[in-house]
C-alpha atoms as a PDB file:
ATOM      1  CA  MET A   1      28.039  75.708 -13.232  1.00  0.00           C
ATOM      2  CA  ILE A   2      26.600  73.232 -15.707  1.00  0.00           C
ATOM      3  CA  LEU A   3      26.985  70.441 -13.185  1.00  0.00           C
ATOM      4  CA  SER A   4      24.991  72.351 -10.567  1.00  0.00           C
ATOM      5  CA  ILE A   5      22.208  73.050 -13.079  1.00  0.00           C
ATOM      6  CA  LEU A   6      22.133  69.368 -13.972  1.00  0.00           C
ATOM      7  CA  VAL A   7      21.976  68.307 -10.303  1.00  0.00           C
ATOM      8  CA  ILE A   8      19.136  70.754  -9.588  1.00  0.00           C
ATOM      9  CA  SER A   9      17.251  69.505 -12.637  1.00  0.00           C
ATOM     10  CA  ILE A  10      17.599  65.879 -11.511  1.00  0.00           C
ATOM     11  CA  PHE A  11      16.492  66.831  -7.983  1.00  0.00           C
ATOM     12  CA  ASN A  12      13.411  68.637  -9.294  1.00  0.00           C
ATOM     13  CA  THR A  13      12.463  65.700 -11.518  1.00  0.00           C
ATOM     14  CA  LYS A  14      12.748  63.252  -8.612  1.00  0.00           C
ATOM     15  CA  ALA A  15      10.749  65.537  -6.318  1.00  0.00           C
ATOM     16  CA  LYS A  16       7.971  65.807  -8.899  1.00  0.00           C
ATOM     17  CA  ARG A  17       7.923  62.032  -9.334  1.00  0.00           C
ATOM     18  CA  ILE A  18       7.670  61.445  -5.556  1.00  0.00           C
ATOM     19  CA  LEU A  19       4.861  63.990  -5.224  1.00  0.00           C
ATOM     20  CA  ASN A  20       2.955  62.310  -8.025  1.00  0.00           C
ATOM     21  CA  ASN A  21       3.517  58.682  -6.919  1.00  0.00           C
ATOM     22  CA  HIS A  22       3.187  59.003  -3.129  1.00  0.00           C
ATOM     23  CA  TYR A  23       0.850  61.963  -2.611  1.00  0.00           C
ATOM     24  CA  SER A  24      -1.074  62.197  -5.918  1.00  0.00           C
ATOM     25  CA  ILE A  25      -0.063  65.807  -6.419  1.00  0.00           C
ATOM     26  CA  GLN A  26       0.096  66.664 -10.105  1.00  0.00           C
ATOM     27  CA  VAL A  27       2.837  69.182 -10.867  1.00  0.00           C
ATOM     28  CA  LYS A  28       2.898  71.118 -14.111  1.00  0.00           C
ATOM     29  CA  LYS A  29       6.004  72.563 -15.700  1.00  0.00           C
ATOM     30  CA  GLY A  30       8.101  74.697 -13.432  1.00  0.00           C
ATOM     31  CA  GLY A  31       8.505  74.411  -9.686  1.00  0.00           C
ATOM     32  CA  TRP A  32       7.051  71.592  -7.632  1.00  0.00           C
ATOM     33  CA  ARG A  33       6.265  73.653  -4.527  1.00  0.00           C
ATOM     34  CA  THR A  34       2.662  74.293  -5.441  1.00  0.00           C
ATOM     35  CA  GLU A  35      -0.197  75.406  -3.196  1.00  0.00           C
ATOM     36  CA  GLN A  36      -1.329  71.786  -3.002  1.00  0.00           C
ATOM     37  CA  PHE A  37       2.135  70.796  -1.726  1.00  0.00           C
ATOM     38  CA  GLU A  38       2.117  73.608   0.854  1.00  0.00           C
ATOM     39  CA  ASN A  39      -1.308  72.466   2.113  1.00  0.00           C
ATOM     40  CA  MET A  40      -0.014  68.892   2.447  1.00  0.00           C
ATOM     41  CA  GLN A  41       2.943  70.129   4.497  1.00  0.00           C
ATOM     42  CA  ARG A  42       0.667  72.163   6.788  1.00  0.00           C
ATOM     43  CA  LYS A  43      -1.527  69.109   7.329  1.00  0.00           C
ATOM     44  CA  PHE A  44       1.469  66.902   8.207  1.00  0.00           C
ATOM     45  CA  LEU A  45       2.860  69.516  10.601  1.00  0.00           C
ATOM     46  CA  THR A  46      -0.508  70.002  12.305  1.00  0.00           C
ATOM     47  CA  GLU A  47      -0.970  66.263  12.753  1.00  0.00           C
ATOM     48  CA  TYR A  48       2.557  65.887  14.150  1.00  0.00           C
ATOM     49  CA  LEU A  49       2.111  68.732  16.638  1.00  0.00           C
ATOM     50  CA  LYS A  50      -1.228  67.316  17.790  1.00  0.00           C
ATOM     51  CA  SER A  51       0.268  63.842  18.255  1.00  0.00           C
ATOM     52  CA  LYS A  52       3.057  65.302  20.440  1.00  0.00           C
ATOM     53  CA  GLY A  53       0.675  67.477  22.455  1.00  0.00           C
ATOM     54  CA  LEU A  54       2.185  70.725  21.188  1.00  0.00           C
ATOM     55  CA  TYR A  55      -0.819  72.154  19.347  1.00  0.00           C
ATOM     56  CA  SER A  56      -1.874  74.882  21.734  1.00  0.00           C
ATOM     57  CA  GLU A  57      -1.335  78.623  21.453  1.00  0.00           C
ATOM     58  CA  GLU A  58       1.118  78.978  24.336  1.00  0.00           C
ATOM     59  CA  LYS A  59       3.192  75.966  23.250  1.00  0.00           C
ATOM     60  CA  LEU A  60       3.299  77.197  19.648  1.00  0.00           C
ATOM     61  CA  ASN A  61       4.430  80.649  20.813  1.00  0.00           C
ATOM     62  CA  LEU A  62       7.145  79.024  22.908  1.00  0.00           C
ATOM     63  CA  LEU A  63       8.275  76.915  19.928  1.00  0.00           C
ATOM     64  CA  ILE A  64       8.415  80.028  17.749  1.00  0.00           C
ATOM     65  CA  LYS A  65      10.546  81.866  20.332  1.00  0.00           C
ATOM     66  CA  ILE A  66      12.914  78.900  20.582  1.00  0.00           C
ATOM     67  CA  LEU A  67      13.225  78.683  16.794  1.00  0.00           C
ATOM     68  CA  VAL A  68      13.910  82.418  16.467  1.00  0.00           C
ATOM     69  CA  LYS A  69      16.673  82.163  19.103  1.00  0.00           C
ATOM     70  CA  GLU A  70      18.150  79.156  17.299  1.00  0.00           C
ATOM     71  CA  ILE A  71      18.132  81.003  13.961  1.00  0.00           C
ATOM     72  CA  VAL A  72      19.866  84.036  15.481  1.00  0.00           C
ATOM     73  CA  ARG A  73      22.425  81.819  17.218  1.00  0.00           C
ATOM     74  CA  SER A  74      23.229  79.804  14.092  1.00  0.00           C
ATOM     75  CA  LYS A  75      23.797  82.784  11.775  1.00  0.00           C
ATOM     76  CA  PRO A  76      27.428  83.202  10.786  1.00  0.00           C
ATOM     77  CA  PRO A  77      29.126  86.378  12.003  1.00  0.00           C
ATOM     78  CA  THR A  78      28.988  89.346   9.620  1.00  0.00           C
ATOM     79  CA  PHE A  79      32.767  89.530   9.313  1.00  0.00           C
ATOM     80  CA  LEU A  80      32.960  85.989   7.924  1.00  0.00           C
ATOM     81  CA  ALA A  81      32.088  86.810   4.290  1.00  0.00           C
ATOM     82  CA  PRO A  82      34.505  89.752   3.887  1.00  0.00           C
ATOM     83  CA  GLY A  83      37.182  87.767   5.691  1.00  0.00           C
ATOM     84  CA  ALA A  84      36.735  84.813   3.354  1.00  0.00           C
ATOM     85  CA  PHE A  85      36.860  87.142   0.346  1.00  0.00           C
ATOM     86  CA  LEU A  86      40.111  88.704   1.545  1.00  0.00           C
ATOM     87  CA  ALA A  87      41.602  85.319   2.375  1.00  0.00           C
ATOM     88  CA  LEU A  88      41.042  84.240  -1.232  1.00  0.00           C
ATOM     89  CA  PHE A  89      41.701  87.569  -2.973  1.00  0.00           C
ATOM     90  CA  ILE A  90      45.008  88.614  -1.390  1.00  0.00           C
ATOM     91  CA  PRO A  91      47.072  85.556  -2.448  1.00  0.00           C
ATOM     92  CA  VAL A  92      45.687  85.759  -5.988  1.00  0.00           C
ATOM     93  CA  TRP A  93      46.449  89.475  -6.199  1.00  0.00           C
ATOM     94  CA  SER A  94      49.930  88.912  -4.793  1.00  0.00           C
ATOM     95  CA  GLN A  95      50.751  86.295  -7.415  1.00  0.00           C
ATOM     96  CA  TYR A  96      49.328  88.476 -10.192  1.00  0.00           C
ATOM     97  CA  ALA A  97      51.491  91.416  -9.056  1.00  0.00           C
ATOM     98  CA  ILE A  98      54.615  89.238  -9.030  1.00  0.00           C
ATOM     99  CA  PHE A  99      53.843  87.933 -12.526  1.00  0.00           C
ATOM    100  CA  PHE A 100      53.126  91.445 -13.836  1.00  0.00           C
ATOM    101  CA  PHE A 101      56.297  93.000 -12.439  1.00  0.00           C
ATOM    102  CA  LYS A 102      58.483  90.105 -13.614  1.00  0.00           C
ATOM    103  CA  ALA A 103      57.221  90.655 -17.146  1.00  0.00           C
ATOM    104  CA  PHE A 104      57.800  94.404 -16.729  1.00  0.00           C
ATOM    105  CA  ILE A 105      61.397  93.906 -15.547  1.00  0.00           C
ATOM    106  CA  VAL A 106      62.219  91.370 -18.278  1.00  0.00           C
ATOM    107  CA  GLN A 107      60.957  93.617 -21.061  1.00  0.00           C
ATOM    108  CA  ASN A 108      62.608  96.694 -19.549  1.00  0.00           C
ATOM    109  CA  SER A 109      65.973  94.930 -19.267  1.00  0.00           C
ATOM    110  CA  MET A 110      65.825  94.002 -22.967  1.00  0.00           C
ATOM    111  CA  ASN A 111      65.442  97.704 -23.894  1.00  0.00           C
ATOM    112  CA  GLN A 112      62.121  97.026 -25.469  1.00  0.00           C
ATOM    113  CA  PRO A 113      59.019  99.143 -25.098  1.00  0.00           C
ATOM    114  CA  VAL A 114      57.207  98.511 -21.864  1.00  0.00           C
ATOM    115  CA  PHE A 115      53.629  97.307 -21.997  1.00  0.00           C
ATOM    116  CA  LEU A 116      51.000  98.597 -19.632  1.00  0.00           C
END
């Protein structure tokens, strides 16, 4: 957990530094995805689409349809998350049950009070 926070912090610091050095975008405290950054991205995308001859309404609509199909196709199936949870939970629960009942049997065989 701490490692992931540290990695994200380092990433954000580097992103802010690149925005300042390469694109002269001043970022205050907090996130670096400012309105100025979003405008820069729009400008780059527009220039790229124009250079490739894709900046017309019908071509943009076609690109959007293709991207939507790709997003739908690349989504993981809905049964994947519950299946992964069960695949991890069942062995852990099984081992816990074995440990619990071994302790129960040992204490019961010693004629001591049973804990619950």
